Protein backbone atom coordinates (compact mmCIF):
# COMPACT_ATOMS: atom_id res chain seq x y z
CA MET A 1 -4.35 -8.89 -11.70
CA GLU A 2 -2.47 -5.09 -13.22
CA VAL A 3 0.91 -4.10 -11.87
CA THR A 4 2.14 -0.59 -12.36
CA CYS A 5 5.64 1.09 -11.86
CA ILE A 6 5.13 4.28 -10.37
CA HIS A 7 8.96 4.68 -10.51
CA GLU A 8 12.19 2.92 -9.12
CA GLY A 9 11.30 1.24 -6.16
CA LEU A 10 7.44 2.33 -6.06
CA TRP A 11 4.92 -0.37 -7.94
CA ARG A 12 1.01 -0.34 -7.13
CA TRP A 13 -0.95 -3.44 -7.93
CA SER A 14 -4.45 -3.99 -8.18
CA VAL A 15 -7.01 -6.82 -8.03
CA ARG A 16 -10.90 -6.94 -8.87
CA SER A 17 -12.64 -8.17 -6.15
CA GLY A 18 -15.58 -10.23 -6.29
CA ASP A 19 -17.59 -7.02 -6.22
CA GLY A 20 -15.93 -5.56 -9.05
CA ASN A 21 -14.19 -2.94 -7.01
CA ASP A 22 -10.13 -2.80 -8.47
CA GLU A 23 -8.56 -3.71 -4.41
CA ALA A 24 -5.19 -2.03 -4.35
CA SER A 25 -1.85 -2.79 -2.50
CA ALA A 26 2.09 -0.58 -2.81
CA TYR A 27 5.22 -2.27 -3.12
CA LEU A 28 7.77 0.00 -2.20
CA GLU A 29 11.79 -0.15 -1.75
CA HIS A 30 13.26 2.01 1.18
CA GLY A 31 16.78 0.87 1.43
CA ASP A 32 17.23 -2.80 1.18
CA SER A 33 13.78 -3.45 2.82
CA MET A 34 10.73 -4.23 1.50
CA LEU A 35 7.11 -2.54 2.57
CA LEU A 36 3.74 -4.37 0.96
CA VAL A 37 0.84 -2.12 1.59
CA ASP A 38 -2.21 -3.05 2.64
CA PRO A 39 -1.36 -6.19 0.56
CA VAL A 40 -3.90 -8.33 -1.56
CA LEU A 41 -3.04 -11.80 -3.24
CA PRO A 42 -3.91 -12.46 -7.40
CA ALA A 43 -6.42 -15.62 -7.55
CA PRO A 44 -4.64 -18.90 -7.56
CA GLY A 45 -3.05 -19.12 -10.80
CA ALA A 46 -0.92 -17.90 -13.57
CA ASP A 47 -1.13 -14.29 -11.98
CA ARG A 48 -0.18 -15.44 -8.39
CA GLU A 49 2.89 -17.52 -9.91
CA ARG A 50 3.97 -14.22 -11.79
CA PHE A 51 3.46 -12.48 -8.34
CA ARG A 52 5.18 -14.95 -6.09
CA ARG A 53 8.09 -14.97 -8.81
CA ALA A 54 8.54 -10.97 -8.63
CA ILE A 55 8.37 -10.91 -4.66
CA ASN A 56 11.03 -13.77 -4.41
CA ARG A 57 13.25 -12.14 -7.13
CA ASP A 58 13.19 -8.84 -5.22
CA LEU A 59 13.58 -10.27 -1.80
CA ALA A 60 17.13 -11.94 -3.10
CA ARG A 61 17.92 -8.73 -4.75
CA LEU A 62 17.11 -6.52 -1.44
CA GLY A 63 18.50 -8.74 1.13
CA GLY A 64 16.81 -7.04 3.59
CA PRO A 65 13.80 -6.97 5.90
CA VAL A 66 10.23 -7.49 4.80
CA HIS A 67 7.18 -4.84 6.35
CA VAL A 68 3.36 -6.17 5.66
CA MET A 69 1.92 -2.69 6.59
CA LEU A 70 -1.83 -2.14 7.53
CA THR A 71 -4.03 1.21 7.27
CA ARG A 72 -6.34 -0.65 9.08
CA ALA A 73 -5.76 -3.64 11.07
CA ALA A 74 -9.56 -4.53 11.59
CA GLN A 75 -9.05 -4.81 7.53
CA PRO A 76 -5.66 -7.61 7.26
CA ARG A 77 -6.50 -8.28 3.66
CA ASP A 78 -3.60 -11.19 2.55
CA ALA A 79 -1.18 -9.53 5.07
CA GLY A 80 -0.74 -12.96 6.99
CA ALA A 81 -0.13 -14.61 3.40
CA LEU A 82 2.08 -11.97 2.33
CA ALA A 83 4.32 -12.19 5.90
CA ARG A 84 4.57 -15.78 5.09
CA MET A 85 5.66 -15.95 1.82
CA THR A 86 8.18 -12.99 2.42
CA GLY A 87 9.23 -14.17 6.12
CA GLY A 88 8.20 -10.63 7.25
CA ASP A 89 7.15 -8.87 10.41
CA ILE A 90 3.06 -7.11 10.16
CA TRP A 91 2.85 -3.51 10.86
CA THR A 92 -0.23 -2.32 12.50
CA MET A 93 -1.13 1.44 13.70
CA GLY A 94 1.38 2.17 16.92
CA ASP A 95 4.00 -0.69 16.10
CA PRO A 96 7.63 1.08 15.81
CA LEU A 97 7.53 2.48 11.72
CA PRO A 98 10.87 1.57 9.42
CA PRO A 99 12.90 4.14 8.53
CA GLY A 100 11.46 6.86 6.32
CA MET A 101 7.74 6.18 6.93
CA GLN A 102 5.19 8.08 8.63
CA ALA A 103 1.37 7.29 10.36
CA VAL A 104 -0.59 9.93 9.33
CA PRO A 105 -3.87 10.22 11.60
CA THR A 106 -7.11 10.07 8.67
CA GLY A 107 -9.63 11.31 11.20
CA ARG A 108 -11.32 7.73 10.84
CA GLU A 109 -10.99 5.58 14.19
CA GLY A 110 -8.62 2.54 13.40
CA GLU A 111 -7.02 3.54 10.30
CA VAL A 112 -3.84 5.53 9.63
CA ALA A 113 -2.56 6.76 6.06
CA LEU A 114 1.20 6.21 5.40
CA TRP A 115 3.47 8.19 4.23
CA SER A 116 7.13 7.23 2.67
CA ASP A 117 9.53 10.03 2.70
CA PRO A 118 11.49 8.72 -0.45
CA HIS A 119 8.67 8.15 -2.58
CA ALA A 120 6.88 11.20 -1.91
CA ALA A 121 3.74 8.66 -1.82
CA LEU A 122 0.85 8.27 0.38
CA MET A 123 -1.23 5.29 1.10
CA PRO A 124 -4.17 6.63 2.52
CA GLY A 125 -5.97 3.53 3.00
CA GLY A 126 -9.55 3.89 2.42
CA ALA A 127 -9.97 7.68 3.93
CA LEU A 128 -8.88 9.10 0.78
CA VAL A 129 -10.75 7.91 -2.60
CA VAL A 130 -10.59 8.84 -6.32
CA HIS A 131 -13.82 9.49 -8.47
CA GLY A 132 -13.79 11.06 -11.78
CA GLY A 133 -10.25 11.94 -11.54
CA GLU A 134 -11.02 13.97 -8.37
CA VAL A 135 -9.56 12.85 -5.24
CA VAL A 136 -12.79 12.80 -1.79
CA ALA A 137 -12.17 11.90 1.66
CA ALA A 138 -14.37 9.01 3.06
CA PRO A 139 -16.69 10.33 5.82
CA GLY A 140 -15.29 11.19 8.99
CA ALA A 141 -11.32 11.63 6.88
CA ASP A 142 -9.55 14.58 7.28
CA GLY A 143 -8.78 15.10 3.32
CA PRO A 144 -7.15 18.51 3.44
CA ALA A 145 -4.67 17.21 6.65
CA LEU A 146 -3.86 14.54 4.21
CA LEU A 147 -3.38 15.90 1.19
CA ALA A 148 -1.37 18.73 2.35
CA LEU A 149 1.58 16.53 2.42
CA ALA A 150 1.90 17.48 -1.04
CA PRO A 151 2.10 13.92 -2.28
CA ALA A 152 3.33 12.83 -5.93
CA VAL A 153 1.30 10.14 -6.13
CA ILE A 154 -1.82 9.18 -3.58
CA ILE A 155 -2.30 5.11 -3.75
CA PRO A 156 -5.71 4.52 -1.99
CA SER A 157 -6.59 0.44 -0.87
CA VAL A 158 -9.40 0.79 -3.83
CA GLY A 159 -9.97 2.28 -6.74
CA PRO A 160 -7.42 4.20 -9.16
CA MET A 161 -4.38 5.89 -7.84
CA VAL A 162 -3.45 9.89 -8.69
CA THR A 163 -0.25 10.96 -9.70
CA GLY A 164 1.73 14.24 -9.74
CA GLY A 165 0.35 15.94 -6.45
């Protein structure tokens, strides 16, 4: 598991999948709320225990609700396990959003990107990917519309993130 603090209240963690890709997730603090976007758990063992301790520490510190958020309901990853671990709810497309979050159409059926106003962060799911340091729209995705948000950071659900947008 690789964990990166982007800035206060915004983190990215990634786990290497069986096919060698980095599956990435985002952790955001919005006031007293914890948001976990497209979450994937580390494998059982030391990394999972470290992850659990960090989540529990932040739950105690924040004291507010937990929202486990999915950019694609058809790909829940470990959303159920994280909701059980945190006592949180699972957000999918069409549900009311927590304050400070927006669902942005990606142009692909069954998928939305999630935009965090307080963090100027875009979680595009699989609609945007990074290849050779360049942000590329996946087939069928409306890349220009997503990039028009001028994100300070893009955290795709697979592969590396981009900062400084």
